[in-house]
């Protein structure tokens, strides 16, 4: 009989077969070999293209999602998993070779949830750099160096025990790739649990944005933030210093990145307003 895998990597994917192929190629280079991969195709326009990419990997298998967004897709992948540890990443990420080992190792040592750094895989791209600055700022601000824990971790690089996921699945009322990770981290903290941080469990993020894609992404973040705020009595707001520090972090990487981080705040505000109007109509 074949022993069950120690971990399952869950990857939600939609309409990005080329990025997914590069992600799976990176997973083939892991130092840990006792893991499986579950790809959840969340209603891609060309599902055959996704299936062809998954079929190239001896380690991966496909689960078909319903097009209800990444939170529901991750839950579907978790339900299909055989591993005792669930490692979540995105199809436009490329995990480092020790990624699975580092995450599983922290859970073996007693953690129930672990995160690692998500790095910008396109440092010469101002849009990718600005987008990663926005995401990483929230993680960096939540880091507690005294205990090595973070209060927030994006699902591009997050692991947990399968038992924890059964008790605390992602909230499927979040239909967009925005806010569902913050909601999960907040509910984890409300249980009294923490997210251990594993610095060597890195993934490189390779978003293909451009100006229009960057704008849409930040609008989604605003909508997700307001959805979170509407569900949790004010959660989702940060103090003014948080946003001032974020803008400074952007300009430290150059004027173009700084200007895009400022633009992101405007897009986020518009997303908040749009989601607020939607909530009021319900």
Protein backbone atom coordinates (compact mmCIF):
# COMPACT_ATOMS: atom_id res chain seq x y z
CA UNK A 1 0.00 0.00 0.00
CA UNK A 2 1.17 3.54 -0.74
CA UNK A 3 1.54 5.83 2.27
CA UNK A 4 -0.65 8.93 2.20
CA UNK A 5 1.17 12.15 1.31
CA UNK A 6 2.40 14.30 4.17
CA UNK A 7 0.97 17.39 2.47
CA UNK A 8 -1.39 18.53 -0.25
CA UNK A 9 -0.67 21.69 -2.23
CA UNK A 10 -3.95 23.35 -3.26
CA UNK A 11 -3.91 25.72 -6.23
CA UNK A 12 -7.06 27.52 -7.42
CA UNK A 13 -6.72 28.45 -11.07
CA UNK A 14 -8.76 30.25 -13.67
CA UNK A 15 -7.77 31.14 -17.24
CA UNK A 16 -4.00 31.13 -16.60
CA UNK A 17 -2.71 27.79 -17.92
CA UNK A 18 0.75 29.14 -18.77
CA UNK A 19 1.23 30.51 -15.25
CA UNK A 20 -0.13 27.29 -13.79
CA UNK A 21 2.41 25.27 -15.79
CA UNK A 22 5.28 27.31 -14.34
CA UNK A 23 3.88 26.89 -10.83
CA UNK A 24 3.67 23.11 -11.24
CA UNK A 25 7.18 23.04 -12.70
CA UNK A 26 8.46 24.80 -9.56
CA UNK A 27 6.69 22.26 -7.39
CA UNK A 28 8.45 19.44 -9.24
CA UNK A 29 11.73 20.81 -7.87
CA UNK A 30 10.76 20.53 -4.19
CA UNK A 31 13.17 18.86 -1.77
CA UNK A 32 10.14 17.25 -0.11
CA UNK A 33 8.71 14.49 -2.30
CA UNK A 34 5.90 13.31 -0.01
CA UNK A 35 3.18 15.62 -1.24
CA UNK A 36 0.44 15.78 -3.83
CA UNK A 37 -1.03 18.70 -5.75
CA UNK A 38 -4.73 19.44 -6.23
CA UNK A 39 -5.52 22.04 -8.89
CA UNK A 40 -9.03 23.47 -8.76
CA UNK A 41 -10.13 24.83 -12.13
CA UNK A 42 -12.58 27.54 -11.12
CA UNK A 43 -14.63 27.62 -14.36
CA UNK A 44 -11.91 28.55 -16.87
CA UNK A 45 -13.10 29.59 -20.32
CA UNK A 46 -10.86 26.86 -21.78
CA UNK A 47 -10.94 23.99 -19.27
CA UNK A 48 -9.11 21.69 -21.71
CA UNK A 49 -6.04 23.94 -21.53
CA UNK A 50 -6.00 23.63 -17.73
CA UNK A 51 -6.50 19.87 -17.87
CA UNK A 52 -3.64 19.50 -20.37
CA UNK A 53 -1.29 21.36 -17.99
CA UNK A 54 -2.35 19.24 -15.01
CA UNK A 55 -2.01 16.02 -17.00
CA UNK A 56 1.67 16.85 -17.64
CA UNK A 57 2.41 16.54 -13.93
CA UNK A 58 2.72 13.14 -12.29
CA UNK A 59 2.02 14.75 -8.92
CA UNK A 60 -1.05 16.85 -9.73
CA UNK A 61 -4.71 16.02 -10.20
CA UNK A 62 -7.64 18.18 -11.19
CA UNK A 63 -10.81 19.13 -9.36
CA UNK A 64 -13.46 21.17 -11.14
CA UNK A 65 -14.80 24.20 -9.28
CA UNK A 66 -18.03 26.10 -9.81
CA UNK A 67 -16.70 29.56 -10.65
CA UNK A 68 -17.61 30.95 -7.23
CA UNK A 69 -14.23 32.49 -6.50
CA UNK A 70 -10.96 31.46 -4.84
CA UNK A 71 -12.37 30.95 -1.33
CA UNK A 72 -14.80 28.29 -2.57
CA UNK A 73 -12.13 26.83 -4.86
CA UNK A 74 -9.67 26.46 -1.99
CA UNK A 75 -12.31 24.74 0.11
CA UNK A 76 -13.04 22.36 -2.76
CA UNK A 77 -9.35 21.55 -3.08
CA UNK A 78 -9.07 20.95 0.66
CA UNK A 79 -12.00 18.54 0.57
CA UNK A 80 -10.27 16.58 -2.21
CA UNK A 81 -6.93 16.50 -0.36
CA UNK A 82 -5.32 13.43 1.20
CA UNK A 83 -2.51 15.21 3.03
CA UNK A 84 -2.41 15.96 6.75
CA UNK A 85 -1.08 19.42 5.92
CA UNK A 86 -2.64 21.78 3.39
CA UNK A 87 -0.32 24.21 1.59
CA UNK A 88 -2.06 26.96 -0.37
CA UNK A 89 -0.56 29.00 -3.18
CA UNK A 90 -1.73 30.68 -6.39
CA UNK A 91 -1.23 29.71 -10.01
CA UNK A 92 0.93 32.79 -10.69
CA UNK A 93 3.35 31.90 -7.89
CA UNK A 94 6.52 29.78 -8.04
CA UNK A 95 7.43 28.20 -4.70
CA UNK A 96 11.08 27.91 -3.75
CA UNK A 97 12.59 24.41 -3.61
CA UNK A 98 12.31 24.06 0.19
CA UNK A 99 8.81 25.56 0.41
CA UNK A 100 6.88 22.40 1.29
CA UNK A 101 9.61 21.20 3.65
CA UNK A 102 9.71 24.49 5.53
CA UNK A 103 5.93 24.71 5.97
CA UNK A 104 5.47 21.06 6.96
CA UNK A 105 8.44 21.29 9.32
CA UNK A 106 6.86 24.10 11.33
CA UNK A 107 3.62 22.16 11.62
CA UNK A 108 5.50 19.04 12.73
CA UNK A 109 7.04 21.25 15.40
CA UNK A 110 3.59 22.13 16.71
CA UNK A 111 2.18 25.03 14.69
CA UNK A 112 -1.33 24.67 13.29
CA UNK A 113 -0.93 27.45 10.69
CA UNK A 114 2.23 28.69 8.97
CA UNK A 115 3.05 31.38 6.42
CA UNK A 116 6.13 32.32 4.48
CA UNK A 117 7.19 35.39 2.52
CA UNK A 118 5.65 36.12 -0.86
CA UNK A 119 8.33 37.85 -2.92
CA UNK A 120 7.97 39.96 -6.02
CA UNK A 121 9.03 37.79 -8.94
CA UNK A 122 9.03 40.77 -11.34
CA UNK A 123 11.21 43.42 -9.67
CA UNK A 124 11.60 45.37 -12.93
CA UNK A 125 7.82 45.70 -13.32
CA UNK A 126 6.47 48.74 -11.46
CA UNK A 127 2.92 47.35 -11.37
CA UNK A 128 4.01 44.03 -9.85
CA UNK A 129 6.28 45.84 -7.38
CA UNK A 130 3.53 48.22 -6.27
CA UNK A 131 0.99 45.40 -5.92
CA UNK A 132 3.39 43.31 -3.83
CA UNK A 133 4.24 46.34 -1.70
CA UNK A 134 0.55 46.78 -0.85
CA UNK A 135 0.10 43.13 0.11
CA UNK A 136 3.37 42.71 1.96
CA UNK A 137 2.84 45.89 3.98
CA UNK A 138 -0.12 44.33 5.76
CA UNK A 139 1.89 41.21 6.56
CA UNK A 140 4.93 43.20 7.66
CA UNK A 141 2.86 45.41 9.95
CA UNK A 142 1.33 42.34 11.60
CA UNK A 143 4.68 40.62 12.29
CA UNK A 144 5.53 40.01 15.95
CA UNK A 145 9.29 39.46 16.06
CA UNK A 146 9.24 38.40 19.72
CA UNK A 147 7.34 35.19 18.93
CA UNK A 148 7.88 34.86 15.17
CA UNK A 149 4.18 35.09 14.26
CA UNK A 150 2.16 37.17 11.78
CA UNK A 151 -1.40 38.33 12.16
CA UNK A 152 -2.06 38.33 8.42
CA UNK A 153 -0.82 36.06 5.63
CA UNK A 154 -2.08 36.02 2.04
CA UNK A 155 -3.21 32.68 0.65
CA UNK A 156 -0.43 32.83 -1.92
CA UNK A 157 1.71 31.32 0.85
CA UNK A 158 -0.23 29.77 3.71
CA UNK A 159 -0.34 26.30 5.24
CA UNK A 160 -2.45 24.71 7.94
CA UNK A 161 -3.35 21.33 9.29
CA UNK A 162 -6.24 19.63 7.52
CA UNK A 163 -8.00 19.48 10.88
CA UNK A 164 -7.78 23.26 11.25
CA UNK A 165 -9.25 23.78 7.81
CA UNK A 166 -12.17 21.50 8.63
CA UNK A 167 -12.86 23.62 11.69
CA UNK A 168 -12.17 26.93 9.93
CA UNK A 169 -12.77 26.83 6.17
CA UNK A 170 -12.55 29.91 3.97
CA UNK A 171 -15.71 32.02 3.89
CA UNK A 172 -17.35 31.42 0.52
CA UNK A 173 -19.42 34.61 0.72
CA UNK A 174 -16.27 36.36 -0.54
CA UNK A 175 -16.66 35.94 -4.32
CA UNK A 176 -13.50 37.81 -5.35
CA UNK A 177 -9.78 37.35 -4.83
CA UNK A 178 -9.86 39.97 -2.09
CA UNK A 179 -10.63 39.98 1.61
CA UNK A 180 -11.15 36.26 2.09
CA UNK A 181 -7.62 35.80 3.42
CA UNK A 182 -7.96 38.67 5.90
CA UNK A 183 -11.27 37.26 7.07
CA UNK A 184 -9.72 33.83 7.65
CA UNK A 185 -6.80 35.30 9.59
CA UNK A 186 -9.17 37.37 11.73
CA UNK A 187 -11.31 34.33 12.56
CA UNK A 188 -8.18 32.34 13.38
CA UNK A 189 -7.07 35.04 15.82
CA UNK A 190 -10.55 35.10 17.38
CA UNK A 191 -10.06 31.41 18.20
CA UNK A 192 -6.87 32.27 20.04
CA UNK A 193 -4.64 30.68 17.37
CA UNK A 194 -1.65 32.23 15.62
CA UNK A 195 0.21 31.95 12.31
CA UNK A 196 3.86 30.96 12.65
CA UNK A 197 6.20 32.62 10.16
CA UNK A 198 8.75 30.52 8.25
CA UNK A 199 11.23 32.85 6.48
CA UNK A 200 12.63 30.07 4.27
CA UNK A 201 9.19 29.08 2.93
CA UNK A 202 9.19 31.67 0.17
CA UNK A 203 7.28 31.88 -3.08
CA UNK A 204 7.93 34.25 -5.97
CA UNK A 205 4.81 36.00 -7.26
CA UNK A 206 4.61 36.71 -11.00
CA UNK A 207 1.42 38.74 -11.61
CA UNK A 208 0.75 39.92 -15.16
CA UNK A 209 -1.00 43.21 -14.47
CA UNK A 210 -0.35 46.35 -16.50
CA UNK A 211 -2.21 49.51 -15.57
CA UNK A 212 -5.72 48.14 -16.18
CA UNK A 213 -5.02 44.91 -14.29
CA UNK A 214 -3.45 46.80 -11.38
CA UNK A 215 -6.47 49.12 -11.17
CA UNK A 216 -8.94 46.22 -11.21
CA UNK A 217 -6.93 44.38 -8.54
CA UNK A 218 -6.99 47.36 -6.19
CA UNK A 219 -10.72 47.89 -6.80
CA UNK A 220 -11.23 44.26 -5.74
CA UNK A 221 -9.18 44.86 -2.62
CA UNK A 222 -11.47 47.76 -1.75
CA UNK A 223 -14.58 45.68 -2.31
CA UNK A 224 -13.15 42.84 -0.24
CA UNK A 225 -12.22 45.22 2.56
CA UNK A 226 -15.74 46.63 2.70
CA UNK A 227 -17.28 43.14 2.58
CA UNK A 228 -15.07 42.22 5.52
CA UNK A 229 -15.97 45.41 7.36
CA UNK A 230 -19.68 44.80 6.85
CA UNK A 231 -19.41 41.35 8.40
CA UNK A 232 -17.17 42.07 11.38
CA UNK A 233 -18.11 45.33 13.08
CA UNK A 234 -15.47 47.64 11.67
CA UNK A 235 -12.68 45.17 10.95
CA UNK A 236 -10.74 45.97 7.82
CA UNK A 237 -9.93 49.59 8.67
CA UNK A 238 -6.35 50.53 9.46
CA UNK A 239 -5.13 53.64 11.33
CA UNK A 240 -3.99 56.62 9.19
CA UNK A 241 -0.34 55.92 9.98
CA UNK A 242 -0.65 52.53 8.27
CA UNK A 243 -1.49 54.18 4.94
CA UNK A 244 1.17 56.87 5.34
CA UNK A 245 3.78 54.18 5.98
CA UNK A 246 2.53 52.27 2.95
CA UNK A 247 2.99 55.27 0.66
CA UNK A 248 6.49 55.83 2.04
CA UNK A 249 7.30 52.17 1.42
CA UNK A 250 6.23 52.63 -2.19
CA UNK A 251 8.34 55.72 -2.79
CA UNK A 252 11.39 54.04 -1.26
CA UNK A 253 11.28 51.81 -4.34
CA UNK A 254 11.16 54.71 -6.77
CA UNK A 255 8.78 57.44 -7.92
CA UNK A 256 6.84 55.21 -10.33
CA UNK A 257 6.13 52.60 -7.65
CA UNK A 258 5.26 55.30 -5.13
CA UNK A 259 2.81 56.92 -7.54
CA UNK A 260 1.17 53.55 -8.19
CA UNK A 261 0.79 52.90 -4.47
CA UNK A 262 -0.96 56.29 -4.16
CA UNK A 263 -3.15 55.36 -7.15
CA UNK A 264 -3.93 52.06 -5.41
CA UNK A 265 -5.37 53.93 -2.44
CA UNK A 266 -7.75 55.79 -4.74
CA UNK A 267 -8.83 52.57 -6.46
CA UNK A 268 -9.33 50.89 -3.10
CA UNK A 269 -11.51 53.77 -1.91
CA UNK A 270 -13.65 53.47 -5.04
CA UNK A 271 -13.95 49.73 -4.46
CA UNK A 272 -15.09 50.36 -0.88
CA UNK A 273 -17.74 52.79 -2.15
CA UNK A 274 -18.94 50.36 -4.82
CA UNK A 275 -19.28 47.50 -2.34
CA UNK A 276 -21.03 49.79 0.15
CA UNK A 277 -23.63 50.67 -2.49
CA UNK A 278 -24.13 46.97 -3.18
CA UNK A 279 -24.61 46.25 0.51
CA UNK A 280 -27.17 49.01 0.86
CA UNK A 281 -29.23 47.62 -2.03
CA UNK A 282 -29.49 44.21 -0.38
